Amino acid sequence: MGVKGLQWFVENVSSEVCVEVNLQEMAKQYQRDQPGCTPTLVVDAMACLRHWYTSEAWVHGGQWREYMHNLETFVRAFTNAGIKLVFFFDGVVEQTKRAEWVKRRLRNNKEISQIFQYIKTTGQQPGREMFFIPSGLATFSRFALKSLGVETWCSVREADYEIASYGLFHNCMGILGQDSDYLIYDTVPYLSISKLQLGRLVTVLFSRENLCQALKLSKSDLPLLACILGNDIVPENQLQKLRRSCMDSYWQKKKKCTQQTVLAVANYISGHLCLSEGLKEITKLPVSEADRALLEKGIDSYLLPEQQTPWLPYRKKHSSYGAQVELRSGSNQDIIQFAKEQHIRADNFMVFNILSAGEVSCSNTLEDDQDPDLPGHALVYRPARQHIYAVLLGAKQDGSESPPSVKEWFVYPGNPLQHAELVTAVPVDLPGRRPDLKILWFSEEPEIKNLRYSTFLALFDIQDLSDELCALETHLIGTCCLLIYIALQVNNLCLEDIDAYLAQTLCVRTKSPDQLACTQVNQKKRPDLILFLMKYLMALVVGIPSVFWVGSKKTCFEWASFFHGRRKKE
């Protein structure tokens, strides 16, 4: 969300904040100023997905070859200009921002309903004005970027904080993203991904210094400004009365009516709270103690390691920007540390959050909430997830102990997201001893290879088909696991649907983006079935590192082969 109204303000009212820059020239100047240092941009990858995904046929799923081509073009443009890219992905939803996360997911549900209503009414592909990011795109973009050899990280706390910290402490040339919070952090320059002209390497730099000059504030005042306006920590409606007071005061001073809340709040801060001696007095704010505590928490969230603020004179310094993760009781430190390292390097998905906090989140999917024939993906794949939780958390088959459980925040039709759903782990059905996670991950004994394989199949209750699956080429195993699982779980899956999945797996991997662009699709093709496949791939991405060493994902399935949704020729 960023800061309420700030992005619009700098783009439409305070034009001096927006400075057009040529990134190649900026890189050359960086090298002149800092000889021997490589110009580096730290990239908010989540903000780039819309920029990278340009296919007009987005409802039918991921045009993966076309998307990979776009990623390669993007990376190459910066590499040729001598600019290094470092990508960050969101890896956690912090508890302080859960309410805002839920609010956005419910709002997205309404947008998705409108998309399906449009399809039913017109029978046409919606335009880009209704664009919704295809399922799984963020998850698989991590693997795609890593396959291109670029540095890719996954956050263990709020991603924009880690991005701002990385940029500052690695002396980066700038941050490439689209979040007004980057104007608030005292960090390196904030560059716009939405304004980027890739061919010319030209974009807009949102100048923090010019913003302060326009608002007559110092950089240390920006976090307070952000909190009064509203952000992820301080809800927009929390300080509505204070903002109204700021507007009244501003009107009396300027003698004219204005709707510029940003200017009014900035004027209030500089005129009422900043003393001539340089002291800042947040205690002068006419708000309750609870609201003042929330404001202080919000201000603190913008302070990077070793930074201080005159608004919080007694704040303790943070020594590092790595999150202090609250571990669930009984957690094995070796396992947790290994999972955390793999999580940070974007080598697995969800596993660290399950092991460390016993909580997992899954955002919106393009699902028709009015279609009674196709159940929500979260419910279809819950049995597989329950087995995964059992392997990760150590549920015993004999029932001698209460099974562990995981808090799930999964978005699906009919779930109001008022609270997390507590999902109990279900042990896998395997003869002999319970698979031990340490053995599955770290053992190099030859017989453990078979245990890993049988445990993986047991996650999806298809262990009896081990011999048949072993006879397949390795890149087909994941597809067959998918088809068997959903055929067992979804009663109305027809032969045509299975044929479509098989055709994608067998044919798409040999086609170029140009060839795939000409492929036609039947008008009656159901876009939500492609999304079913994508959510199963998400389950595989969680399931494989649950039983294999991390990094072996590609031996079980080749995600690039069957992510591709055929597009309808317009």
Protein backbone atom coordinates (compact mmCIF):
# COMPACT_ATOMS: atom_id res chain seq x y z
CA MET A 1 0.00 0.00 0.00
CA GLY A 2 2.75 2.45 0.86
CA VAL A 3 1.76 5.85 2.25
CA LYS A 4 -1.84 6.87 1.60
CA GLY A 5 -1.98 9.56 -1.09
CA LEU A 6 1.76 10.23 -1.22
CA GLN A 7 2.52 8.60 -4.58
CA TRP A 8 -0.35 10.50 -6.20
CA PHE A 9 0.83 13.73 -4.57
CA VAL A 10 4.39 13.55 -5.87
CA GLU A 11 3.26 12.60 -9.38
CA ASN A 12 0.41 15.11 -9.71
CA VAL A 13 1.04 18.03 -7.35
CA SER A 14 4.71 18.26 -6.42
CA SER A 15 6.32 17.83 -9.85
CA GLU A 16 9.75 18.89 -8.59
CA VAL A 17 9.98 15.58 -6.73
CA CYS A 18 9.88 13.67 -10.05
CA VAL A 19 13.22 13.85 -11.82
CA GLU A 20 13.74 12.03 -15.12
CA VAL A 21 17.06 10.16 -15.13
CA ASN A 22 19.03 8.06 -17.58
CA LEU A 23 20.16 4.98 -15.67
CA GLN A 24 23.19 4.38 -17.88
CA GLU A 25 24.42 7.94 -17.28
CA MET A 26 23.59 7.56 -13.61
CA ALA A 27 25.73 4.41 -13.51
CA LYS A 28 28.66 6.18 -15.16
CA GLN A 29 28.45 8.99 -12.62
CA TYR A 30 28.31 6.41 -9.82
CA GLN A 31 31.55 4.84 -11.08
CA ARG A 32 33.25 8.22 -11.33
CA ASP A 33 32.26 9.00 -7.75
CA GLN A 34 33.16 5.53 -6.45
CA PRO A 35 35.91 3.98 -8.56
CA GLY A 36 36.06 0.19 -8.41
CA CYS A 37 32.43 -0.20 -7.28
CA THR A 38 29.80 -1.82 -9.49
CA PRO A 39 26.62 0.23 -9.97
CA THR A 40 23.89 -1.88 -8.37
CA LEU A 41 20.12 -1.55 -8.30
CA VAL A 42 18.22 -3.43 -5.62
CA VAL A 43 14.91 -4.40 -7.21
CA ASP A 44 11.52 -4.84 -5.56
CA ALA A 45 10.62 -7.88 -7.66
CA MET A 46 6.97 -7.98 -6.58
CA ALA A 47 6.50 -4.48 -8.01
CA CYS A 48 7.97 -5.62 -11.33
CA LEU A 49 5.59 -8.49 -12.11
CA ARG A 50 3.10 -6.30 -13.97
CA HIS A 51 5.95 -4.70 -15.91
CA TRP A 52 7.38 -8.09 -16.92
CA TYR A 53 4.11 -9.84 -17.71
CA THR A 54 2.91 -8.26 -20.94
CA SER A 55 0.74 -11.01 -22.45
CA GLU A 56 -2.72 -9.84 -23.39
CA ALA A 57 -4.13 -13.35 -22.88
CA TRP A 58 -3.44 -13.35 -19.17
CA VAL A 59 -6.67 -15.07 -18.05
CA HIS A 60 -5.65 -18.39 -19.59
CA GLY A 61 -2.60 -18.71 -17.35
CA GLY A 62 1.12 -18.11 -17.61
CA GLN A 63 2.65 -17.65 -21.05
CA TRP A 64 5.89 -18.88 -19.57
CA ARG A 65 8.19 -18.88 -22.60
CA GLU A 66 7.08 -15.37 -23.48
CA TYR A 67 7.53 -14.32 -19.85
CA MET A 68 11.02 -15.83 -19.66
CA HIS A 69 11.93 -13.96 -22.84
CA ASN A 70 10.79 -10.72 -21.18
CA LEU A 71 12.88 -11.46 -18.08
CA GLU A 72 15.95 -12.19 -20.19
CA THR A 73 15.45 -8.94 -22.10
CA PHE A 74 15.06 -7.00 -18.85
CA VAL A 75 18.19 -8.41 -17.24
CA ARG A 76 20.24 -8.06 -20.44
CA ALA A 77 19.36 -4.36 -20.81
CA PHE A 78 20.86 -3.55 -17.41
CA THR A 79 23.80 -5.93 -17.78
CA ASN A 80 24.78 -4.32 -21.09
CA ALA A 81 24.73 -0.94 -19.34
CA GLY A 82 27.09 -2.24 -16.65
CA ILE A 83 24.40 -2.25 -13.95
CA LYS A 84 24.06 -5.17 -11.54
CA LEU A 85 20.57 -6.19 -10.42
CA VAL A 86 19.73 -7.71 -7.02
CA PHE A 87 16.13 -8.94 -6.68
CA PHE A 88 14.09 -9.21 -3.47
CA PHE A 89 10.79 -11.08 -3.06
CA ASP A 90 8.31 -10.96 -0.18
CA GLY A 91 8.87 -13.94 2.10
CA VAL A 92 6.62 -13.29 5.07
CA VAL A 93 3.50 -11.44 6.18
CA GLU A 94 4.30 -9.66 9.44
CA GLN A 95 1.64 -9.84 12.15
CA THR A 96 1.48 -6.06 12.40
CA LYS A 97 0.38 -5.95 8.76
CA ARG A 98 -1.97 -8.94 8.75
CA ALA A 99 -5.10 -6.77 8.96
CA GLU A 100 -4.02 -4.79 5.91
CA TRP A 101 -3.13 -8.05 4.09
CA VAL A 102 -6.66 -9.37 4.74
CA LYS A 103 -8.21 -6.09 3.61
CA ARG A 104 -6.36 -6.26 0.30
CA ARG A 105 -7.21 -9.92 -0.27
CA LEU A 106 -10.93 -9.24 0.22
CA ARG A 107 -10.70 -6.29 -2.15
CA ASN A 108 -8.96 -8.53 -4.71
CA ASN A 109 -11.81 -11.05 -4.39
CA LYS A 110 -14.21 -8.39 -5.66
CA GLU A 111 -11.92 -7.62 -8.60
CA ILE A 112 -11.74 -11.32 -9.49
CA SER A 113 -15.53 -11.63 -9.36
CA GLN A 114 -15.75 -8.76 -11.84
CA ILE A 115 -13.29 -10.53 -14.15
CA PHE A 116 -15.37 -13.71 -14.29
CA GLN A 117 -18.58 -11.72 -14.68
CA TYR A 118 -17.02 -9.95 -17.66
CA ILE A 119 -15.99 -13.28 -19.24
CA LYS A 120 -19.47 -14.75 -18.77
CA THR A 121 -21.17 -11.64 -20.13
CA THR A 122 -18.96 -10.96 -23.15
CA GLY A 123 -17.23 -14.27 -23.84
CA GLN A 124 -14.06 -12.25 -24.37
CA GLN A 125 -10.62 -11.96 -22.81
CA PRO A 126 -10.58 -8.97 -20.40
CA GLY A 127 -8.22 -6.14 -21.26
CA ARG A 128 -5.19 -4.99 -19.31
CA GLU A 129 -7.34 -2.55 -17.35
CA MET A 130 -8.72 -5.58 -15.46
CA PHE A 131 -5.34 -7.33 -15.25
CA PHE A 132 -4.75 -9.64 -12.31
CA ILE A 133 -1.37 -11.33 -11.83
CA PRO A 134 -1.60 -15.02 -12.88
CA SER A 135 -1.37 -17.56 -10.08
CA GLY A 136 2.08 -18.70 -9.13
CA LEU A 137 3.85 -15.96 -11.08
CA ALA A 138 5.65 -14.48 -8.07
CA THR A 139 6.74 -17.90 -6.80
CA PHE A 140 8.09 -19.15 -10.10
CA SER A 141 9.68 -15.81 -11.01
CA ARG A 142 12.18 -16.48 -8.20
CA PHE A 143 13.28 -19.70 -9.85
CA ALA A 144 13.29 -18.06 -13.29
CA LEU A 145 15.58 -15.24 -12.18
CA LYS A 146 17.91 -17.65 -10.42
CA SER A 147 18.08 -19.73 -13.60
CA LEU A 148 19.30 -16.58 -15.37
CA GLY A 149 22.14 -16.31 -12.87
CA VAL A 150 21.03 -13.10 -11.18
CA GLU A 151 21.21 -12.53 -7.42
CA THR A 152 17.81 -13.26 -5.90
CA TRP A 153 16.72 -13.07 -2.26
CA CYS A 154 13.57 -13.74 -0.27
CA SER A 155 12.81 -11.64 2.80
CA VAL A 156 12.38 -12.87 6.37
CA ARG A 157 10.62 -9.67 7.37
CA GLU A 158 8.77 -6.93 5.48
CA ALA A 159 10.41 -6.86 2.04
CA ASP A 160 10.51 -3.07 1.63
CA TYR A 161 12.48 -2.81 4.89
CA GLU A 162 15.04 -5.36 3.75
CA ILE A 163 15.28 -3.70 0.33
CA ALA A 164 15.86 -0.28 1.90
CA SER A 165 18.43 -1.77 4.29
CA TYR A 166 20.25 -3.68 1.56
CA GLY A 167 20.40 -0.60 -0.65
CA LEU A 168 21.83 1.55 2.14
CA PHE A 169 24.37 -0.88 3.58
CA HIS A 170 25.60 -2.16 0.21
CA ASN A 171 25.92 1.36 -1.15
CA CYS A 172 23.60 0.65 -4.09
CA MET A 173 22.93 3.13 -6.86
CA GLY A 174 19.23 3.02 -6.11
CA ILE A 175 16.03 1.07 -5.45
CA LEU A 176 13.86 0.10 -8.42
CA GLY A 177 10.26 -0.36 -7.33
CA GLN A 178 6.84 1.25 -6.96
CA ASP A 179 6.09 1.92 -3.31
CA SER A 180 5.98 5.36 -1.70
CA ASP A 181 7.46 3.87 1.48
CA TYR A 182 10.82 4.09 -0.31
CA LEU A 183 10.48 7.87 -0.17
CA ILE A 184 10.13 7.67 3.61
CA TYR A 185 13.11 5.44 4.39
CA ASP A 186 16.41 7.31 4.74
CA THR A 187 18.13 5.18 2.13
CA VAL A 188 19.39 5.29 -1.47
CA PRO A 189 17.39 6.95 -4.30
CA TYR A 190 13.97 5.57 -5.21
CA LEU A 191 13.49 4.85 -8.94
CA SER A 192 10.17 4.05 -10.60
CA ILE A 193 9.58 0.68 -12.30
CA SER A 194 6.23 1.87 -13.73
CA LYS A 195 7.92 4.82 -15.49
CA LEU A 196 10.82 2.72 -16.81
CA GLN A 197 11.47 2.88 -20.56
CA LEU A 198 13.61 -0.22 -20.93
CA GLY A 199 14.87 0.52 -24.44
CA ARG A 200 16.33 3.88 -23.37
CA LEU A 201 16.96 2.95 -19.72
CA VAL A 202 15.14 6.10 -18.68
CA THR A 203 12.87 6.38 -15.65
CA VAL A 204 11.76 8.78 -12.92
CA LEU A 205 13.71 9.32 -9.72
CA PHE A 206 11.49 10.37 -6.83
CA SER A 207 13.74 12.80 -4.97
CA ARG A 208 13.57 12.54 -1.20
CA GLU A 209 15.47 15.83 -0.87
CA ASN A 210 13.09 17.69 -3.18
CA LEU A 211 10.11 16.29 -1.29
CA CYS A 212 11.48 17.58 2.00
CA GLN A 213 12.11 20.98 0.43
CA ALA A 214 8.59 21.15 -0.99
CA LEU A 215 7.03 20.18 2.34
CA LYS A 216 9.46 22.22 4.48
CA LEU A 217 10.35 19.12 6.48
CA SER A 218 13.55 17.29 7.31
CA LYS A 219 14.14 13.63 6.40
CA SER A 220 13.60 12.65 10.01
CA ASP A 221 10.05 14.06 9.82
CA LEU A 222 8.98 11.84 6.91
CA PRO A 223 8.14 8.74 9.01
CA LEU A 224 5.74 10.79 11.15
CA LEU A 225 4.19 12.26 8.01
CA ALA A 226 3.69 8.74 6.62
CA CYS A 227 2.04 7.49 9.80
CA ILE A 228 -0.40 10.40 10.08
CA LEU A 229 -1.38 10.00 6.42
CA GLY A 230 -1.84 6.25 6.90
CA ASN A 231 0.24 3.21 5.99
CA ASP A 232 0.43 -0.52 6.66
CA ILE A 233 1.11 0.02 10.38
CA VAL A 234 -1.27 2.91 11.08
CA PRO A 235 -4.62 2.32 9.30
CA GLU A 236 -5.93 5.21 7.24
CA ASN A 237 -9.02 5.69 9.41
CA GLN A 238 -7.08 5.56 12.70
CA LEU A 239 -6.04 9.23 12.70
CA GLN A 240 -8.83 10.71 10.60
CA LYS A 241 -9.69 13.25 13.29
CA LEU A 242 -6.08 14.46 13.47
CA ARG A 243 -5.88 14.84 9.69
CA ARG A 244 -9.10 16.84 9.71
CA SER A 245 -7.56 19.11 12.34
CA CYS A 246 -4.50 19.51 10.12
CA MET A 247 -6.74 20.48 7.20
CA ASP A 248 -8.62 23.07 9.29
CA SER A 249 -5.37 24.61 10.50
CA TYR A 250 -3.97 24.70 6.97
CA TRP A 251 -7.13 26.37 5.63
CA GLN A 252 -6.97 29.10 8.29
CA LYS A 253 -3.32 29.76 7.45
CA LYS A 254 -3.64 29.74 3.65
CA LYS A 255 -7.12 31.32 3.57
CA LYS A 256 -8.20 28.99 0.80
CA CYS A 257 -9.88 25.63 0.55
CA THR A 258 -7.62 22.78 -0.38
CA GLN A 259 -7.82 19.03 -0.54
CA GLN A 260 -4.04 18.59 -0.32
CA THR A 261 -3.87 16.48 2.81
CA VAL A 262 -0.13 15.88 2.38
CA LEU A 263 0.61 19.62 2.45
CA ALA A 264 -1.72 20.14 5.40
CA VAL A 265 -0.15 17.40 7.52
CA ALA A 266 3.37 18.57 6.63
CA ASN A 267 2.44 22.13 7.62
CA TYR A 268 1.07 20.88 10.95
CA ILE A 269 4.27 18.93 11.71
CA SER A 270 6.59 21.82 10.89
CA GLY A 271 4.44 24.46 12.59
CA HIS A 272 3.26 22.73 15.75
CA LEU A 273 5.62 19.88 16.59
CA CYS A 274 9.12 20.98 15.53
CA LEU A 275 10.57 23.33 18.15
CA SER A 276 13.13 26.01 17.37
CA GLU A 277 15.77 24.20 19.43
CA GLY A 278 15.58 21.28 17.02
CA LEU A 279 13.56 19.16 19.42
CA LYS A 280 10.64 17.08 18.18
CA GLU A 281 7.68 16.58 20.50
CA ILE A 282 5.36 13.78 19.50
CA THR A 283 3.71 14.13 22.92
CA LYS A 284 2.10 17.36 21.68
CA LEU A 285 -0.08 15.44 19.26
CA PRO A 286 -3.76 15.57 20.30
CA VAL A 287 -4.25 11.81 20.16
CA SER A 288 -4.92 9.04 22.66
CA GLU A 289 -2.13 7.09 24.34
CA ALA A 290 -3.01 4.05 22.23
CA ASP A 291 -2.78 6.06 19.00
CA ARG A 292 0.48 7.65 20.13
CA ALA A 293 1.94 4.21 20.82
CA LEU A 294 0.85 3.10 17.35
CA LEU A 295 2.46 6.19 15.83
CA GLU A 296 5.72 5.45 17.63
CA LYS A 297 5.59 1.88 16.36
CA GLY A 298 5.02 3.13 12.83
CA ILE A 299 7.89 5.61 13.02
CA ASP A 300 10.18 2.91 14.37
CA SER A 301 9.31 0.63 11.44
CA TYR A 302 10.98 3.09 9.04
CA LEU A 303 14.26 3.30 10.93
CA LEU A 304 16.98 1.14 9.42
CA PRO A 305 19.73 -0.51 11.52
CA GLU A 306 21.83 1.99 13.48
CA GLN A 307 19.49 4.87 12.59
CA GLN A 308 17.97 7.15 15.22
CA THR A 309 15.19 9.74 15.16
CA PRO A 310 14.55 12.84 17.27
CA TRP A 311 10.90 11.75 17.44
CA LEU A 312 11.88 8.65 19.46
CA PRO A 313 14.89 9.77 21.53
CA TYR A 314 14.92 6.63 23.69
CA ARG A 315 14.72 4.10 20.85
CA LYS A 316 17.20 1.25 21.03
CA LYS A 317 19.36 0.66 17.98
CA HIS A 318 18.81 -2.42 15.88
CA SER A 319 22.08 -4.21 15.20
CA SER A 320 21.03 -5.93 11.98
CA TYR A 321 18.15 -6.05 9.55
CA GLY A 322 17.64 -9.80 9.87
CA ALA A 323 14.32 -10.53 11.53
CA GLN A 324 14.25 -12.09 14.95
CA VAL A 325 11.99 -15.03 14.22
CA GLU A 326 9.86 -16.37 17.06
CA LEU A 327 10.35 -20.13 16.84
CA ARG A 328 7.59 -22.58 17.68
CA SER A 329 8.28 -24.77 20.70
CA GLY A 330 10.28 -27.92 20.01
CA SER A 331 11.91 -26.52 16.88
CA ASN A 332 15.20 -28.11 15.87
CA GLN A 333 17.74 -25.31 15.53
CA ASP A 334 19.80 -27.06 12.81
CA ILE A 335 16.72 -27.69 10.72
CA ILE A 336 15.44 -24.15 11.26
CA GLN A 337 18.78 -22.59 10.33
CA PHE A 338 19.08 -24.68 7.17
CA ALA A 339 15.50 -23.84 6.15
CA LYS A 340 16.10 -20.15 6.84
CA GLU A 341 19.23 -20.10 4.68
CA GLN A 342 17.37 -21.77 1.83
CA HIS A 343 14.43 -19.40 2.29
CA ILE A 344 16.65 -16.31 2.14
CA ARG A 345 18.34 -17.61 -1.02
CA ALA A 346 14.87 -18.13 -2.58
CA ASP A 347 15.49 -21.88 -2.87
CA ASN A 348 12.26 -22.96 -1.20
CA PHE A 349 8.81 -21.64 -0.57
CA MET A 350 6.78 -21.62 2.66
CA VAL A 351 8.90 -24.29 4.39
CA PHE A 352 10.72 -21.87 6.69
CA ASN A 353 7.48 -20.15 7.73
CA ILE A 354 5.91 -23.51 8.56
CA LEU A 355 8.89 -24.68 10.59
CA SER A 356 9.59 -21.42 12.40
CA ALA A 357 6.17 -19.93 13.09
CA GLY A 358 3.71 -22.68 12.18
CA GLU A 359 1.88 -20.25 9.91
CA VAL A 360 1.49 -19.98 6.15
CA SER A 361 -0.26 -17.60 3.76
CA CYS A 362 -1.57 -17.96 0.23
CA SER A 363 -2.95 -15.01 -1.71
CA ASN A 364 -5.75 -14.72 -4.25
CA THR A 365 -6.27 -17.04 -7.19
CA LEU A 366 -8.35 -16.49 -10.30
CA GLU A 367 -11.25 -18.63 -9.09
CA ASP A 368 -14.90 -18.17 -9.96
CA ASP A 369 -16.73 -17.98 -6.65
CA GLN A 370 -20.02 -18.62 -8.49
CA ASP A 371 -18.87 -21.90 -10.09
CA PRO A 372 -20.19 -24.83 -8.02
CA ASP A 373 -18.45 -27.44 -10.18
CA LEU A 374 -14.88 -26.58 -9.26
CA PRO A 375 -13.96 -26.45 -5.55
CA GLY A 376 -11.51 -23.90 -4.20
CA HIS A 377 -7.87 -24.83 -4.71
CA ALA A 378 -7.10 -24.40 -1.01
CA LEU A 379 -9.56 -27.15 -0.12
CA VAL A 380 -8.51 -29.49 -2.95
CA TYR A 381 -4.84 -29.38 -1.95
CA ARG A 382 -5.38 -29.34 1.81
CA PRO A 383 -4.90 -33.15 2.17
CA ALA A 384 -1.49 -32.85 0.49
CA ARG A 385 -0.55 -29.92 2.71
CA GLN A 386 -1.57 -31.86 5.81
CA HIS A 387 0.87 -34.61 4.86
CA ILE A 388 3.56 -32.01 4.19
CA TYR A 389 2.99 -30.49 7.64
CA ALA A 390 3.33 -33.96 9.18
CA VAL A 391 6.70 -34.57 7.53
CA LEU A 392 8.00 -31.11 8.41
CA LEU A 393 6.71 -31.00 11.98
CA GLY A 394 6.98 -34.67 12.92
CA ALA A 395 3.48 -36.08 13.35
CA LYS A 396 3.48 -39.67 14.63
CA GLN A 397 1.49 -42.37 12.85
CA ASP A 398 0.46 -44.24 16.00
CA GLY A 399 -1.45 -41.29 17.45
CA SER A 400 0.56 -41.43 20.69
CA GLU A 401 0.87 -37.65 20.65
CA SER A 402 -1.44 -34.86 19.58
CA PRO A 403 -0.58 -34.01 15.97
CA PRO A 404 0.91 -30.59 15.28
CA SER A 405 -1.14 -27.99 13.45
CA VAL A 406 -0.47 -25.03 11.18
CA LYS A 407 -2.29 -21.71 10.94
CA GLU A 408 -3.41 -21.21 7.36
CA TRP A 409 -4.34 -17.88 5.81
CA PHE A 410 -5.56 -19.19 2.46
CA VAL A 411 -7.81 -17.15 0.20
CA TYR A 412 -10.63 -19.15 -1.40
CA PRO A 413 -14.34 -18.61 -2.13
CA GLY A 414 -16.36 -18.53 1.08
CA ASN A 415 -13.45 -17.84 3.43
CA PRO A 416 -14.01 -14.46 5.16
CA LEU A 417 -10.42 -14.43 6.52
CA GLN A 418 -11.61 -13.33 9.95
CA HIS A 419 -8.98 -15.58 11.51
CA ALA A 420 -6.44 -18.21 10.53
CA GLU A 421 -7.72 -21.75 10.00
CA LEU A 422 -6.00 -24.29 12.22
CA VAL A 423 -5.11 -27.25 9.99
CA THR A 424 -3.96 -30.47 11.66
CA ALA A 425 -1.05 -32.46 10.24
CA VAL A 426 -1.89 -35.95 8.95
CA PRO A 427 0.94 -38.54 8.93
CA VAL A 428 1.87 -40.08 5.59
CA ASP A 429 0.90 -43.71 5.08
CA LEU A 430 4.24 -45.48 4.85
CA PRO A 431 5.33 -48.82 6.34
CA GLY A 432 8.04 -48.80 8.98
CA ARG A 433 9.35 -45.83 10.90
CA ARG A 434 8.21 -42.26 10.49
CA PRO A 435 10.44 -40.33 8.05
CA ASP A 436 12.78 -38.11 10.03
CA LEU A 437 13.31 -34.67 8.51
CA LYS A 438 17.00 -34.57 9.41
CA ILE A 439 17.56 -37.89 7.66
CA LEU A 440 15.49 -36.90 4.63
CA TRP A 441 17.39 -33.65 4.20
CA PHE A 442 20.94 -34.45 5.22
CA SER A 443 21.61 -38.19 5.00
CA GLU A 444 23.82 -39.42 2.16
CA GLU A 445 23.07 -43.12 2.71
CA PRO A 446 22.06 -44.85 -0.56
CA GLU A 447 18.83 -46.32 0.85
CA ILE A 448 17.61 -42.86 1.89
CA LYS A 449 17.15 -41.95 -1.77
CA ASN A 450 14.30 -44.48 -2.00
CA LEU A 451 12.85 -43.22 1.30
CA ARG A 452 12.80 -39.67 -0.04
CA TYR A 453 11.05 -40.77 -3.21
CA SER A 454 8.41 -42.89 -1.46
CA THR A 455 7.78 -40.15 1.11
CA PHE A 456 7.33 -37.60 -1.64
CA LEU A 457 4.73 -39.77 -3.39
CA ALA A 458 3.01 -40.43 -0.06
CA LEU A 459 2.45 -36.70 0.36
CA PHE A 460 -0.06 -37.01 -2.48
CA ASP A 461 -1.30 -40.52 -1.56
CA ILE A 462 0.12 -42.09 -4.73
CA GLN A 463 2.91 -44.19 -3.19
CA ASP A 464 1.38 -47.36 -4.67
CA LEU A 465 2.29 -46.08 -8.14
CA SER A 466 5.98 -45.78 -7.39
CA ASP A 467 7.15 -48.33 -9.99
CA GLU A 468 5.02 -46.87 -12.78
CA LEU A 469 6.21 -43.33 -12.08
CA CYS A 470 9.85 -44.44 -11.92
CA ALA A 471 9.57 -45.67 -15.50
CA LEU A 472 8.84 -42.14 -16.75
CA GLU A 473 11.30 -39.47 -17.82
CA THR A 474 12.11 -37.38 -14.78
CA HIS A 475 10.55 -34.17 -16.10
CA LEU A 476 7.19 -35.95 -16.52
CA ILE A 477 6.91 -37.23 -12.95
CA GLY A 478 5.53 -33.98 -11.57
CA THR A 479 2.88 -33.75 -14.27
CA CYS A 480 1.69 -37.30 -13.67
CA CYS A 481 1.58 -36.71 -9.91
CA LEU A 482 -0.56 -33.67 -10.66
CA LEU A 483 -2.99 -35.46 -12.93
CA ILE A 484 -3.45 -38.44 -10.63
CA TYR A 485 -3.94 -36.26 -7.57
CA ILE A 486 -6.49 -33.87 -9.04
CA ALA A 487 -8.33 -36.74 -10.78
CA LEU A 488 -8.79 -38.32 -7.35
CA GLN A 489 -9.74 -35.07 -5.64
CA VAL A 490 -11.93 -33.39 -8.28
CA ASN A 491 -14.83 -35.57 -9.40
CA ASN A 492 -15.84 -33.59 -12.48
CA LEU A 493 -12.43 -33.34 -14.15
CA CYS A 494 -12.99 -34.56 -17.71
CA LEU A 495 -10.71 -36.34 -20.17
CA GLU A 496 -10.37 -33.17 -22.24
CA ASP A 497 -8.87 -31.36 -19.25
CA ILE A 498 -6.32 -34.12 -18.70
CA ASP A 499 -5.46 -34.14 -22.41
CA ALA A 500 -4.83 -30.39 -22.24
CA TYR A 501 -2.41 -30.80 -19.34
CA LEU A 502 -0.56 -33.62 -21.11
CA ALA A 503 -0.35 -31.63 -24.34
CA GLN A 504 1.22 -28.71 -22.49
CA THR A 505 3.83 -30.93 -20.88
CA LEU A 506 4.75 -32.88 -24.01
CA CYS A 507 4.57 -30.14 -26.64
CA VAL A 508 5.21 -26.74 -25.10
CA ARG A 509 8.76 -27.45 -23.94
CA THR A 510 9.95 -27.67 -27.57
CA LYS A 511 8.27 -24.47 -28.77
CA SER A 512 9.71 -20.97 -29.00
CA PRO A 513 7.85 -17.91 -27.71
CA ASP A 514 7.06 -16.86 -31.29
CA GLN A 515 5.55 -20.27 -32.10
CA LEU A 516 3.48 -20.27 -28.94
CA ALA A 517 2.19 -16.78 -29.67
CA CYS A 518 0.37 -18.16 -32.71
CA THR A 519 -1.26 -21.06 -30.86
CA GLN A 520 -5.04 -20.80 -30.71
CA VAL A 521 -7.25 -21.93 -27.87
CA ASN A 522 -10.87 -23.01 -27.91
CA GLN A 523 -13.24 -20.26 -26.79
CA LYS A 524 -14.76 -22.66 -24.26
CA LYS A 525 -11.48 -23.34 -22.50
CA ARG A 526 -11.91 -22.80 -18.75
CA PRO A 527 -9.21 -20.47 -17.46
CA ASP A 528 -9.69 -21.64 -13.87
CA LEU A 529 -8.41 -25.13 -14.80
CA ILE A 530 -5.02 -23.67 -15.67
CA LEU A 531 -5.04 -22.05 -12.24
CA PHE A 532 -5.69 -25.48 -10.74
CA LEU A 533 -2.47 -26.69 -12.28
CA MET A 534 -0.58 -23.66 -11.01
CA LYS A 535 -1.71 -24.18 -7.43
CA TYR A 536 -0.67 -27.81 -7.63
CA LEU A 537 2.77 -26.68 -8.73
CA MET A 538 2.80 -24.51 -5.61
CA ALA A 539 2.11 -27.64 -3.57
CA LEU A 540 4.99 -29.40 -5.32
CA VAL A 541 7.32 -26.52 -4.54
CA VAL A 542 6.46 -26.95 -0.85
CA GLY A 543 6.41 -30.74 -0.94
CA ILE A 544 9.69 -31.39 -2.69
CA PRO A 545 11.96 -29.57 -0.21
CA SER A 546 9.96 -31.22 2.56
CA VAL A 547 11.49 -34.58 1.73
CA PHE A 548 14.39 -33.93 -0.65
CA TRP A 549 17.45 -31.82 -0.12
CA VAL A 550 16.68 -28.34 -1.36
CA GLY A 551 17.85 -27.90 -4.93
CA SER A 552 16.51 -31.23 -6.21
CA LYS A 553 13.21 -29.77 -7.39
CA LYS A 554 14.13 -29.94 -11.04
CA THR A 555 14.75 -33.68 -10.86
CA CYS A 556 11.04 -34.24 -10.16
CA PHE A 557 9.36 -31.74 -12.41
CA GLU A 558 10.33 -29.16 -14.96
CA TRP A 559 8.13 -26.23 -14.10
CA ALA A 560 9.09 -24.31 -17.24
CA SER A 561 7.53 -27.04 -19.40
CA PHE A 562 3.98 -26.94 -18.17
CA PHE A 563 3.47 -23.51 -16.69
CA HIS A 564 2.49 -22.31 -20.15
CA GLY A 565 -1.15 -21.57 -20.85
CA ARG A 566 -2.16 -21.55 -24.49
CA ARG A 567 -3.36 -18.19 -25.66
CA LYS A 568 -6.33 -17.37 -27.83
CA LYS A 569 -5.38 -15.68 -31.06
CA GLU A 570 -7.25 -12.39 -31.19
